[in-house]
Amino acid sequence: MILAILLAINLTTGREVSPIASSGNDAIPNDKTIGVLWDYTHGLYCPGPCYSLEARYTQLVSILNGQGYTFTTTTAGVNNIDLSPFRIIVLCLGSAWNSAYTAAEADSLVSFVNRGGSLLVLSDNTSCPNGNLNPVLSRFNMTAGVGGAGDCFTSTTANPIYTPIFSGVSQACGVATGAISASSPSEVIAWTSGTPLMAGRCESNKGGVLLIGDINHWENDFIGNGDNIRFMINVFNWLAWPPCLPTDAAESPGLRPSLCVSPNPFRDIVSLGLPAGADGALLYNPAGLPVARLFAGENDLRELPDGVYFIKYGDQIRRLVKVK
């Protein structure tokens, strides 16, 4: 049995809640903590079945419900509701077809990301009204609908912050995908023949942001193609717990001082603080496999691959990121 370990964060307080243990190869979130808000405020595109969770994305909902996600929709505007119950907000162009996001809505979404929530934006090709999304995307140095592109990813980033998104994915294809652009601190993370199709942003102590240049990867007619389901699960798992959050610096000053880790992210050496008499803590990879035992003081981890790990001691867990 493989033990997959996750830690949940209350987005309002920033405090950790109980760790989750489950069997299987995926880091599966808890349905009581991983709430997803899908925004309908700016109008559904309805050429036949609407681009709604109830019509075109029913398989997405079913699969992700089984992975521990719960979905809520709104037409009230993200600036008019309490966003704290949600870990992920989805802006899909097919569900934002008739009007553009406002500056007030963009402000609310930036605040949501700044306090630890994650944002998924699904755009499309240049014949679609991508400008409706760009008032939000511009706040994250991203742009949608900048040109034509192919349907499938042909190459992906080597940045370990984003590589878990593409784990086990050999083919992910949309339909009439649109090109996107991104500039620092955002970056392009997937291409087709050199044309950018996907971008990410992962700043320290903030939630993650992902932009994908198509709304059809996970639509009912295409979700079963290639590795689109694996890609979808990876995306939502990454957003539920992005490597940029948390670090010890993001925690409340008085929160569980018995387990301290620094620096985080790290390159070679990690310093671990443990209670007196503790015999060490276990380090796990994202699949839940133990890869090292850590001890109080300095630990040399330069031989480990770059990527995301979890330190577990008793009922406490810390996210740890190794970078180049």
C-alpha atoms as a PDB file:
ATOM      1  CA  MET A   1       0.000   0.000   0.000  1.00  0.00           C
ATOM      2  CA  ILE A   2       1.260   3.468  -0.864  1.00  0.00           C
ATOM      3  CA  LEU A   3       0.526   6.184   1.630  1.00  0.00           C
ATOM      4  CA  ALA A   4      -0.297   9.536   0.065  1.00  0.00           C
ATOM      5  CA  ILE A   5      -0.098  12.425   2.541  1.00  0.00           C
ATOM      6  CA  LEU A   6      -1.653  15.842   2.121  1.00  0.00           C
ATOM      7  CA  LEU A   7      -2.081  18.855   4.330  1.00  0.00           C
ATOM      8  CA  ALA A   8      -5.065  21.195   4.108  1.00  0.00           C
ATOM      9  CA  ILE A   9      -4.948  24.933   4.722  1.00  0.00           C
ATOM     10  CA  ASN A  10      -7.806  27.090   5.888  1.00  0.00           C
ATOM     11  CA  LEU A  11      -7.690  29.991   3.430  1.00  0.00           C
ATOM     12  CA  THR A  12      -9.179  32.407   5.929  1.00  0.00           C
ATOM     13  CA  THR A  13      -6.787  31.774   8.819  1.00  0.00           C
ATOM     14  CA  GLY A  14      -3.833  30.270   6.961  1.00  0.00           C
ATOM     15  CA  ARG A  15      -3.723  27.526   9.583  1.00  0.00           C
ATOM     16  CA  GLU A  16      -3.103  23.875   8.887  1.00  0.00           C
ATOM     17  CA  VAL A  17      -5.835  21.328   9.438  1.00  0.00           C
ATOM     18  CA  SER A  18      -5.592  17.574   9.872  1.00  0.00           C
ATOM     19  CA  PRO A  19      -3.354  15.681   7.435  1.00  0.00           C
ATOM     20  CA  ILE A  20      -5.062  13.242   5.112  1.00  0.00           C
ATOM     21  CA  ALA A  21      -3.829   9.692   4.538  1.00  0.00           C
ATOM     22  CA  SER A  22      -5.101   7.599   1.651  1.00  0.00           C
ATOM     23  CA  SER A  23      -3.968   4.698  -0.480  1.00  0.00           C
ATOM     24  CA  GLY A  24      -3.204   4.982  -4.176  1.00  0.00           C
ATOM     25  CA  ASN A  25      -0.748   6.647  -6.525  1.00  0.00           C
ATOM     26  CA  ASP A  26      -2.272  10.124  -6.497  1.00  0.00           C
ATOM     27  CA  ALA A  27      -2.165  12.774  -3.806  1.00  0.00           C
ATOM     28  CA  ILE A  28      -5.934  12.801  -3.356  1.00  0.00           C
ATOM     29  CA  PRO A  29      -7.451  15.789  -1.546  1.00  0.00           C
ATOM     30  CA  ASN A  30     -10.220  15.632   1.017  1.00  0.00           C
ATOM     31  CA  ASP A  31     -13.682  16.562  -0.261  1.00  0.00           C
ATOM     32  CA  LYS A  32     -14.355  18.501   2.949  1.00  0.00           C
ATOM     33  CA  THR A  33     -11.474  20.867   2.261  1.00  0.00           C
ATOM     34  CA  ILE A  34     -11.065  21.072  -1.531  1.00  0.00           C
ATOM     35  CA  GLY A  35     -13.911  23.253  -2.721  1.00  0.00           C
ATOM     36  CA  VAL A  36     -13.925  24.421  -6.361  1.00  0.00           C
ATOM     37  CA  LEU A  37     -15.879  27.482  -7.522  1.00  0.00           C
ATOM     38  CA  TRP A  38     -16.753  27.582 -11.247  1.00  0.00           C
ATOM     39  CA  ASP A  39     -17.830  31.075 -12.256  1.00  0.00           C
ATOM     40  CA  TYR A  40     -20.844  31.569 -14.572  1.00  0.00           C
ATOM     41  CA  THR A  41     -21.220  35.311 -13.969  1.00  0.00           C
ATOM     42  CA  HIS A  42     -20.317  36.451 -17.489  1.00  0.00           C
ATOM     43  CA  GLY A  43     -22.558  34.130 -19.455  1.00  0.00           C
ATOM     44  CA  LEU A  44     -22.600  30.559 -20.757  1.00  0.00           C
ATOM     45  CA  TYR A  45     -21.831  29.747 -24.374  1.00  0.00           C
ATOM     46  CA  CYS A  46     -24.685  27.505 -25.536  1.00  0.00           C
ATOM     47  CA  PRO A  47     -24.259  26.131 -29.058  1.00  0.00           C
ATOM     48  CA  GLY A  48     -26.439  23.154 -28.177  1.00  0.00           C
ATOM     49  CA  PRO A  49     -25.371  21.942 -24.725  1.00  0.00           C
ATOM     50  CA  CYS A  50     -24.023  24.866 -22.689  1.00  0.00           C
ATOM     51  CA  TYR A  51     -20.447  25.014 -21.458  1.00  0.00           C
ATOM     52  CA  SER A  52     -21.605  24.352 -17.929  1.00  0.00           C
ATOM     53  CA  LEU A  53     -20.807  21.712 -15.340  1.00  0.00           C
ATOM     54  CA  GLU A  54     -24.369  20.430 -15.745  1.00  0.00           C
ATOM     55  CA  ALA A  55     -24.102  19.939 -19.524  1.00  0.00           C
ATOM     56  CA  ARG A  56     -20.663  19.711 -21.115  1.00  0.00           C
ATOM     57  CA  TYR A  57     -18.511  18.961 -18.066  1.00  0.00           C
ATOM     58  CA  THR A  58     -20.515  16.258 -16.295  1.00  0.00           C
ATOM     59  CA  GLN A  59     -17.713  13.694 -16.642  1.00  0.00           C
ATOM     60  CA  LEU A  60     -15.197  16.174 -15.209  1.00  0.00           C
ATOM     61  CA  VAL A  61     -17.417  16.646 -12.174  1.00  0.00           C
ATOM     62  CA  SER A  62     -17.957  12.912 -11.716  1.00  0.00           C
ATOM     63  CA  ILE A  63     -14.272  12.048 -11.956  1.00  0.00           C
ATOM     64  CA  LEU A  64     -13.095  14.864  -9.703  1.00  0.00           C
ATOM     65  CA  ASN A  65     -15.849  14.191  -7.163  1.00  0.00           C
ATOM     66  CA  GLY A  66     -14.281  10.747  -6.890  1.00  0.00           C
ATOM     67  CA  GLN A  67     -10.903  12.392  -6.326  1.00  0.00           C
ATOM     68  CA  GLY A  68     -12.266  14.439  -3.434  1.00  0.00           C
ATOM     69  CA  TYR A  69     -13.318  17.727  -5.045  1.00  0.00           C
ATOM     70  CA  THR A  70     -16.683  19.429  -4.666  1.00  0.00           C
ATOM     71  CA  PHE A  71     -18.016  21.989  -7.147  1.00  0.00           C
ATOM     72  CA  THR A  72     -20.063  25.141  -6.663  1.00  0.00           C
ATOM     73  CA  THR A  73     -21.184  27.593  -9.361  1.00  0.00           C
ATOM     74  CA  THR A  74     -22.041  31.272  -9.101  1.00  0.00           C
ATOM     75  CA  THR A  75     -23.570  34.025 -11.218  1.00  0.00           C
ATOM     76  CA  ALA A  76     -23.189  36.649  -8.482  1.00  0.00           C
ATOM     77  CA  GLY A  77     -19.669  37.836  -9.316  1.00  0.00           C
ATOM     78  CA  VAL A  78     -16.544  36.713  -7.472  1.00  0.00           C
ATOM     79  CA  ASN A  79     -16.298  40.159  -5.864  1.00  0.00           C
ATOM     80  CA  ASN A  80     -19.736  39.767  -4.260  1.00  0.00           C
ATOM     81  CA  ILE A  81     -19.385  36.436  -2.442  1.00  0.00           C
ATOM     82  CA  ASP A  82     -17.258  34.884   0.297  1.00  0.00           C
ATOM     83  CA  LEU A  83     -14.409  33.066  -1.450  1.00  0.00           C
ATOM     84  CA  SER A  84     -12.851  31.599   1.692  1.00  0.00           C
ATOM     85  CA  PRO A  85     -14.588  28.175   1.425  1.00  0.00           C
ATOM     86  CA  PHE A  86     -12.837  27.515  -1.897  1.00  0.00           C
ATOM     87  CA  ARG A  87      -9.345  26.298  -2.693  1.00  0.00           C
ATOM     88  CA  ILE A  88      -9.697  26.655  -6.480  1.00  0.00           C
ATOM     89  CA  ILE A  89     -11.625  29.084  -8.699  1.00  0.00           C
ATOM     90  CA  VAL A  90     -12.188  28.245 -12.377  1.00  0.00           C
ATOM     91  CA  LEU A  91     -12.701  30.904 -15.052  1.00  0.00           C
ATOM     92  CA  CYS A  92     -13.698  29.118 -18.255  1.00  0.00           C
ATOM     93  CA  LEU A  93     -14.245  31.171 -21.402  1.00  0.00           C
ATOM     94  CA  GLY A  94     -17.204  28.936 -22.277  1.00  0.00           C
ATOM     95  CA  SER A  95     -18.715  30.089 -18.981  1.00  0.00           C
ATOM     96  CA  ALA A  96     -17.664  33.722 -19.469  1.00  0.00           C
ATOM     97  CA  TRP A  97     -18.787  34.301 -23.046  1.00  0.00           C
ATOM     98  CA  ASN A  98     -20.910  37.433 -22.951  1.00  0.00           C
ATOM     99  CA  SER A  99     -18.977  40.074 -21.022  1.00  0.00           C
ATOM    100  CA  ALA A 100     -15.570  40.848 -19.575  1.00  0.00           C
ATOM    101  CA  TYR A 101     -14.372  40.511 -16.018  1.00  0.00           C
ATOM    102  CA  THR A 102     -14.314  43.831 -14.184  1.00  0.00           C
ATOM    103  CA  ALA A 103     -11.495  45.473 -12.288  1.00  0.00           C
ATOM    104  CA  ALA A 104     -13.338  44.743  -9.022  1.00  0.00           C
ATOM    105  CA  GLU A 105     -13.558  41.054  -9.890  1.00  0.00           C
ATOM    106  CA  ALA A 106      -9.876  40.998 -10.832  1.00  0.00           C
ATOM    107  CA  ASP A 107      -9.030  42.600  -7.473  1.00  0.00           C
ATOM    108  CA  SER A 108     -10.960  39.873  -5.646  1.00  0.00           C
ATOM    109  CA  LEU A 109      -9.201  37.123  -7.576  1.00  0.00           C
ATOM    110  CA  VAL A 110      -5.761  38.614  -6.956  1.00  0.00           C
ATOM    111  CA  SER A 111      -6.563  38.765  -3.232  1.00  0.00           C
ATOM    112  CA  PHE A 112      -7.766  35.156  -3.365  1.00  0.00           C
ATOM    113  CA  VAL A 113      -4.449  34.013  -4.856  1.00  0.00           C
ATOM    114  CA  ASN A 114      -2.415  36.196  -2.489  1.00  0.00           C
ATOM    115  CA  ARG A 115      -3.939  34.475   0.529  1.00  0.00           C
ATOM    116  CA  GLY A 116      -3.382  30.973  -0.807  1.00  0.00           C
ATOM    117  CA  GLY A 117      -6.198  30.116  -3.215  1.00  0.00           C
ATOM    118  CA  SER A 118      -5.466  28.893  -6.734  1.00  0.00           C
ATOM    119  CA  LEU A 119      -6.879  30.040 -10.063  1.00  0.00           C
ATOM    120  CA  LEU A 120      -7.469  27.997 -13.232  1.00  0.00           C
ATOM    121  CA  VAL A 121      -8.245  29.920 -16.429  1.00  0.00           C
ATOM    122  CA  LEU A 122      -9.386  28.138 -19.607  1.00  0.00           C
ATOM    123  CA  SER A 123      -9.177  30.283 -22.741  1.00  0.00           C
ATOM    124  CA  ASP A 124      -9.540  29.373 -26.435  1.00  0.00           C
ATOM    125  CA  ASN A 125      -8.668  30.267 -30.029  1.00  0.00           C
ATOM    126  CA  THR A 126      -8.727  33.729 -31.576  1.00  0.00           C
ATOM    127  CA  SER A 127     -12.295  33.406 -32.910  1.00  0.00           C
ATOM    128  CA  CYS A 128     -13.511  33.396 -29.304  1.00  0.00           C
ATOM    129  CA  PRO A 129     -13.914  36.405 -26.929  1.00  0.00           C
ATOM    130  CA  ASN A 130     -10.698  35.845 -24.955  1.00  0.00           C
ATOM    131  CA  GLY A 131     -10.722  39.544 -24.104  1.00  0.00           C
ATOM    132  CA  ASN A 132     -13.331  38.697 -21.461  1.00  0.00           C
ATOM    133  CA  LEU A 133     -10.615  36.893 -19.488  1.00  0.00           C
ATOM    134  CA  ASN A 134      -7.705  39.237 -20.067  1.00  0.00           C
ATOM    135  CA  PRO A 135      -8.639  41.828 -17.382  1.00  0.00           C
ATOM    136  CA  VAL A 136      -7.910  39.059 -14.861  1.00  0.00           C
ATOM    137  CA  LEU A 137      -5.020  37.453 -16.727  1.00  0.00           C
ATOM    138  CA  SER A 138      -3.217  40.778 -17.137  1.00  0.00           C
ATOM    139  CA  ARG A 139      -2.948  40.976 -13.356  1.00  0.00           C
ATOM    140  CA  PHE A 140      -0.856  37.806 -13.496  1.00  0.00           C
ATOM    141  CA  ASN A 141       1.240  38.831 -16.548  1.00  0.00           C
ATOM    142  CA  MET A 142      -0.630  36.428 -18.824  1.00  0.00           C
ATOM    143  CA  THR A 143      -2.627  36.930 -22.037  1.00  0.00           C
ATOM    144  CA  ALA A 144      -5.074  34.630 -23.829  1.00  0.00           C
ATOM    145  CA  GLY A 145      -6.016  34.412 -27.505  1.00  0.00           C
ATOM    146  CA  VAL A 146      -2.747  35.746 -28.934  1.00  0.00           C
ATOM    147  CA  GLY A 147      -2.685  33.507 -32.018  1.00  0.00           C
ATOM    148  CA  GLY A 148      -3.425  30.161 -33.596  1.00  0.00           C
ATOM    149  CA  ALA A 149      -1.948  26.923 -32.327  1.00  0.00           C
ATOM    150  CA  GLY A 150      -2.109  23.172 -32.616  1.00  0.00           C
ATOM    151  CA  ASP A 151      -4.361  20.972 -30.536  1.00  0.00           C
ATOM    152  CA  CYS A 152      -1.840  18.859 -28.598  1.00  0.00           C
ATOM    153  CA  PHE A 153       1.057  19.585 -26.274  1.00  0.00           C
ATOM    154  CA  THR A 154       4.299  18.541 -27.969  1.00  0.00           C
ATOM    155  CA  SER A 155       6.704  19.725 -25.263  1.00  0.00           C
ATOM    156  CA  THR A 156       6.508  20.756 -21.624  1.00  0.00           C
ATOM    157  CA  THR A 157       8.662  22.608 -19.119  1.00  0.00           C
ATOM    158  CA  ALA A 158      11.563  21.087 -17.200  1.00  0.00           C
ATOM    159  CA  ASN A 159      10.889  23.420 -14.258  1.00  0.00           C
ATOM    160  CA  PRO A 160      10.269  21.047 -11.297  1.00  0.00           C
ATOM    161  CA  ILE A 161       7.649  23.409  -9.904  1.00  0.00           C
ATOM    162  CA  TYR A 162       5.361  22.422 -12.794  1.00  0.00           C
ATOM    163  CA  THR A 163       6.523  18.956 -13.864  1.00  0.00           C
ATOM    164  CA  PRO A 164       3.965  17.148 -11.605  1.00  0.00           C
ATOM    165  CA  ILE A 165       1.241  18.582 -13.879  1.00  0.00           C
ATOM    166  CA  PHE A 166       2.566  16.481 -16.766  1.00  0.00           C
ATOM    167  CA  SER A 167       3.465  13.303 -14.856  1.00  0.00           C
ATOM    168  CA  GLY A 168       2.076  10.279 -16.704  1.00  0.00           C
ATOM    169  CA  VAL A 169       0.835  12.479 -19.558  1.00  0.00           C
ATOM    170  CA  SER A 170       2.195  11.506 -22.968  1.00  0.00           C
ATOM    171  CA  GLN A 171      -0.623  13.105 -24.986  1.00  0.00           C
ATOM    172  CA  ALA A 172      -2.992  15.901 -23.968  1.00  0.00           C
ATOM    173  CA  CYS A 173      -5.079  17.382 -26.773  1.00  0.00           C
ATOM    174  CA  GLY A 174      -7.794  19.986 -27.049  1.00  0.00           C
ATOM    175  CA  VAL A 175      -9.729  21.211 -30.063  1.00  0.00           C
ATOM    176  CA  ALA A 176      -8.729  24.382 -31.954  1.00  0.00           C
ATOM    177  CA  THR A 177      -6.507  25.395 -29.045  1.00  0.00           C
ATOM    178  CA  GLY A 178      -5.435  29.031 -28.837  1.00  0.00           C
ATOM    179  CA  ALA A 179      -1.980  30.387 -28.153  1.00  0.00           C
ATOM    180  CA  ILE A 180      -1.259  32.209 -24.898  1.00  0.00           C
ATOM    181  CA  SER A 181       1.588  34.334 -23.588  1.00  0.00           C
ATOM    182  CA  ALA A 182       3.205  34.910 -20.200  1.00  0.00           C
ATOM    183  CA  SER A 183       5.994  36.986 -18.694  1.00  0.00           C
ATOM    184  CA  SER A 184       7.846  36.800 -15.399  1.00  0.00           C
ATOM    185  CA  PRO A 185       6.969  35.871 -12.712  1.00  0.00           C
ATOM    186  CA  SER A 186       4.550  33.831 -14.823  1.00  0.00           C
ATOM    187  CA  GLU A 187       6.041  31.498 -17.429  1.00  0.00           C
ATOM    188  CA  VAL A 188       5.049  29.321 -20.358  1.00  0.00           C
ATOM    189  CA  ILE A 189       4.998  25.644 -19.348  1.00  0.00           C
ATOM    190  CA  ALA A 190       3.657  23.794 -22.439  1.00  0.00           C
ATOM    191  CA  TRP A 191       3.994  24.263 -26.202  1.00  0.00           C
ATOM    192  CA  THR A 192       3.051  22.835 -29.582  1.00  0.00           C
ATOM    193  CA  SER A 193       5.850  23.221 -32.128  1.00  0.00           C
ATOM    194  CA  GLY A 194       7.158  26.182 -30.148  1.00  0.00           C
ATOM    195  CA  THR A 195       3.772  27.915 -29.795  1.00  0.00           C
ATOM    196  CA  PRO A 196       2.784  28.512 -26.130  1.00  0.00           C
ATOM    197  CA  LEU A 197      -0.370  26.677 -25.035  1.00  0.00           C
ATOM    198  CA  MET A 198      -0.183  26.780 -21.233  1.00  0.00           C
ATOM    199  CA  ALA A 199       1.276  29.091 -18.582  1.00  0.00           C
ATOM    200  CA  GLY A 200       1.814  28.943 -14.850  1.00  0.00           C
ATOM    201  CA  ARG A 201       2.573  31.233 -11.953  1.00  0.00           C
ATOM    202  CA  CYS A 202       3.762  30.058  -8.553  1.00  0.00           C
ATOM    203  CA  GLU A 203       5.017  32.783  -6.217  1.00  0.00           C
ATOM    204  CA  SER A 204       6.237  32.071  -2.706  1.00  0.00           C
ATOM    205  CA  ASN A 205       3.487  32.074  -0.062  1.00  0.00           C
ATOM    206  CA  LYS A 206       0.716  32.493  -2.653  1.00  0.00           C
ATOM    207  CA  GLY A 207      -1.627  30.156  -4.475  1.00  0.00           C
ATOM    208  CA  GLY A 208      -0.937  28.933  -7.993  1.00  0.00           C
ATOM    209  CA  VAL A 209      -2.311  30.220 -11.288  1.00  0.00           C
ATOM    210  CA  LEU A 210      -2.627  28.128 -14.460  1.00  0.00           C
ATOM    211  CA  LEU A 211      -3.781  29.260 -17.911  1.00  0.00           C
ATOM    212  CA  ILE A 212      -4.662  26.662 -20.561  1.00  0.00           C
ATOM    213  CA  GLY A 213      -5.444  27.764 -24.122  1.00  0.00           C
ATOM    214  CA  ASP A 214      -8.501  25.543 -24.606  1.00  0.00           C
ATOM    215  CA  ILE A 215     -11.863  24.857 -22.979  1.00  0.00           C
ATOM    216  CA  ASN A 216     -12.284  21.416 -24.565  1.00  0.00           C
ATOM    217  CA  HIS A 217      -9.651  19.128 -23.001  1.00  0.00           C
ATOM    218  CA  TRP A 218     -12.112  18.009 -20.326  1.00  0.00           C
ATOM    219  CA  GLU A 219     -15.410  18.610 -22.138  1.00  0.00           C
ATOM    220  CA  ASN A 220     -17.504  15.414 -22.349  1.00  0.00           C
ATOM    221  CA  ASP A 221     -16.754  14.714 -26.026  1.00  0.00           C
ATOM    222  CA  PHE A 222     -12.980  14.873 -25.588  1.00  0.00           C
ATOM    223  CA  ILE A 223     -12.118  14.102 -21.973  1.00  0.00           C
ATOM    224  CA  GLY A 224     -11.463  10.443 -22.819  1.00  0.00           C
ATOM    225  CA  ASN A 225      -8.906  11.262 -25.529  1.00  0.00           C
ATOM    226  CA  GLY A 226      -5.254  10.451 -24.894  1.00  0.00           C
ATOM    227  CA  ASP A 227      -4.196  11.264 -21.342  1.00  0.00           C
ATOM    228  CA  ASN A 228      -6.674  14.113 -20.855  1.00  0.00           C
ATOM    229  CA  ILE A 229      -8.095  12.582 -17.657  1.00  0.00           C
ATOM    230  CA  ARG A 230      -4.639  12.140 -16.110  1.00  0.00           C
ATOM    231  CA  PHE A 231      -3.795  15.689 -17.152  1.00  0.00           C
ATOM    232  CA  MET A 232      -6.997  16.985 -15.526  1.00  0.00           C
ATOM    233  CA  ILE A 233      -6.355  15.207 -12.228  1.00  0.00           C
ATOM    234  CA  ASN A 234      -2.756  16.449 -12.187  1.00  0.00           C
ATOM    235  CA  VAL A 235      -3.871  20.029 -12.824  1.00  0.00           C
ATOM    236  CA  PHE A 236      -6.432  20.049 -10.028  1.00  0.00           C
ATOM    237  CA  ASN A 237      -4.094  18.301  -7.581  1.00  0.00           C
ATOM    238  CA  TRP A 238      -1.384  20.851  -8.358  1.00  0.00           C
ATOM    239  CA  LEU A 239      -3.806  23.721  -7.851  1.00  0.00           C
ATOM    240  CA  ALA A 240      -5.124  22.231  -4.612  1.00  0.00           C
ATOM    241  CA  TRP A 241      -1.624  22.197  -3.184  1.00  0.00           C
ATOM    242  CA  PRO A 242       0.781  24.306  -5.300  1.00  0.00           C
ATOM    243  CA  PRO A 243       4.490  23.979  -4.514  1.00  0.00           C
ATOM    244  CA  CYS A 244       4.711  27.719  -3.804  1.00  0.00           C
ATOM    245  CA  LEU A 245       2.522  27.287  -0.701  1.00  0.00           C
ATOM    246  CA  PRO A 246       3.131  26.923   2.125  1.00  0.00           C
ATOM    247  CA  THR A 247       6.549  27.710   3.472  1.00  0.00           C
ATOM    248  CA  ASP A 248       7.351  28.218   7.130  1.00  0.00           C
ATOM    249  CA  ALA A 249       7.334  31.969   6.460  1.00  0.00           C
ATOM    250  CA  ALA A 250       3.664  31.733   5.501  1.00  0.00           C
ATOM    251  CA  GLU A 251       2.603  30.189   8.775  1.00  0.00           C
ATOM    252  CA  SER A 252       1.285  32.027  11.797  1.00  0.00           C
ATOM    253  CA  PRO A 253       4.154  32.893  14.190  1.00  0.00           C
ATOM    254  CA  GLY A 254       2.809  30.717  16.986  1.00  0.00           C
ATOM    255  CA  LEU A 255       1.769  27.788  14.792  1.00  0.00           C
ATOM    256  CA  ARG A 256       3.275  24.444  15.795  1.00  0.00           C
ATOM    257  CA  PRO A 257       6.804  25.652  16.552  1.00  0.00           C
ATOM    258  CA  SER A 258       7.992  22.094  17.260  1.00  0.00           C
ATOM    259  CA  LEU A 259       8.620  21.382  13.546  1.00  0.00           C
ATOM    260  CA  CYS A 260      10.683  24.038  11.788  1.00  0.00           C
ATOM    261  CA  VAL A 261      12.197  23.764   8.306  1.00  0.00           C
ATOM    262  CA  SER A 262      14.558  26.169   6.564  1.00  0.00           C
ATOM    263  CA  PRO A 263      15.283  27.254   3.936  1.00  0.00           C
ATOM    264  CA  ASN A 264      12.194  26.431   1.907  1.00  0.00           C
ATOM    265  CA  PRO A 265      12.592  26.197  -1.067  1.00  0.00           C
ATOM    266  CA  PHE A 266      16.130  24.758  -0.738  1.00  0.00           C
ATOM    267  CA  ARG A 267      18.939  23.569  -3.000  1.00  0.00           C
ATOM    268  CA  ASP A 268      21.150  21.147  -1.085  1.00  0.00           C
ATOM    269  CA  ILE A 269      20.922  21.465   2.701  1.00  0.00           C
ATOM    270  CA  VAL A 270      17.789  21.583   4.861  1.00  0.00           C
ATOM    271  CA  SER A 271      17.888  22.546   8.521  1.00  0.00           C
ATOM    272  CA  LEU A 272      15.260  20.781  10.610  1.00  0.00           C
ATOM    273  CA  GLY A 273      14.110  21.801  14.076  1.00  0.00           C
ATOM    274  CA  LEU A 274      12.464  19.071  16.174  1.00  0.00           C
ATOM    275  CA  PRO A 275      11.350  18.742  19.799  1.00  0.00           C
ATOM    276  CA  ALA A 276      13.999  17.571  22.258  1.00  0.00           C
ATOM    277  CA  GLY A 277      14.341  13.795  22.192  1.00  0.00           C
ATOM    278  CA  ALA A 278      12.736  13.352  18.757  1.00  0.00           C
ATOM    279  CA  ASP A 279      14.423  10.622  16.705  1.00  0.00           C
ATOM    280  CA  GLY A 280      13.793  12.219  13.309  1.00  0.00           C
ATOM    281  CA  ALA A 281      11.084  12.853  10.716  1.00  0.00           C
ATOM    282  CA  LEU A 282      10.219  11.120   7.458  1.00  0.00           C
ATOM    283  CA  LEU A 283      10.467  12.745   4.031  1.00  0.00           C
ATOM    284  CA  TYR A 284       7.928  11.622   1.406  1.00  0.00           C
ATOM    285  CA  ASN A 285       7.693  12.208  -2.326  1.00  0.00           C
ATOM    286  CA  PRO A 286       4.355  13.334  -3.887  1.00  0.00           C
ATOM    287  CA  ALA A 287       3.312   9.703  -4.432  1.00  0.00           C
ATOM    288  CA  GLY A 288       3.507   9.147  -0.670  1.00  0.00           C
ATOM    289  CA  LEU A 289       6.660   7.020  -0.747  1.00  0.00           C
ATOM    290  CA  PRO A 290       9.211   7.640   2.037  1.00  0.00           C
ATOM    291  CA  VAL A 291      12.526   8.717   0.499  1.00  0.00           C
ATOM    292  CA  ALA A 292      14.630   9.774   3.500  1.00  0.00           C
ATOM    293  CA  ARG A 293      14.757  10.076   7.279  1.00  0.00           C
ATOM    294  CA  LEU A 294      15.653  13.567   8.452  1.00  0.00           C
ATOM    295  CA  PHE A 295      17.231  14.481  11.759  1.00  0.00           C
ATOM    296  CA  ALA A 296      17.442  17.657  13.834  1.00  0.00           C
ATOM    297  CA  GLY A 297      20.034  20.026  12.398  1.00  0.00           C
ATOM    298  CA  GLU A 298      21.393  20.051   8.863  1.00  0.00           C
ATOM    299  CA  ASN A 299      20.391  17.356   6.369  1.00  0.00           C
ATOM    300  CA  ASP A 300      22.207  16.939   3.050  1.00  0.00           C
ATOM    301  CA  LEU A 301      19.588  16.249   0.361  1.00  0.00           C
ATOM    302  CA  ARG A 302      21.579  17.214  -2.720  1.00  0.00           C
ATOM    303  CA  GLU A 303      21.191  13.716  -4.194  1.00  0.00           C
ATOM    304  CA  LEU A 304      17.397  13.989  -4.318  1.00  0.00           C
ATOM    305  CA  PRO A 305      15.780  15.054  -7.612  1.00  0.00           C
ATOM    306  CA  ASP A 306      14.373  18.570  -7.765  1.00  0.00           C
ATOM    307  CA  GLY A 307      10.687  18.708  -6.940  1.00  0.00           C
ATOM    308  CA  VAL A 308       8.112  18.719  -4.167  1.00  0.00           C
ATOM    309  CA  TYR A 309       8.322  16.675  -0.951  1.00  0.00           C
ATOM    310  CA  PHE A 310       6.514  16.356   2.395  1.00  0.00           C
ATOM    311  CA  ILE A 311       8.137  16.203   5.837  1.00  0.00           C
ATOM    312  CA  LYS A 312       6.016  14.366   8.398  1.00  0.00           C
ATOM    313  CA  TYR A 313       6.550  14.325  12.155  1.00  0.00           C
ATOM    314  CA  GLY A 314       3.688  13.060  14.311  1.00  0.00           C
ATOM    315  CA  ASP A 315       0.545  14.827  13.127  1.00  0.00           C
ATOM    316  CA  GLN A 316       2.475  17.680  11.519  1.00  0.00           C
ATOM    317  CA  ILE A 317       3.390  17.974   7.841  1.00  0.00           C
ATOM    318  CA  ARG A 318       5.449  20.555   5.988  1.00  0.00           C
ATOM    319  CA  ARG A 319       5.635  21.033   2.251  1.00  0.00           C
ATOM    320  CA  LEU A 320       9.266  21.179   1.058  1.00  0.00           C
ATOM    321  CA  VAL A 321      10.439  22.255  -2.393  1.00  0.00           C
ATOM    322  CA  LYS A 322      13.879  21.383  -3.821  1.00  0.00           C
ATOM    323  CA  VAL A 323      15.082  23.655  -6.623  1.00  0.00           C
ATOM    324  CA  LYS A 324      18.144  23.782  -8.844  1.00  0.00           C
END
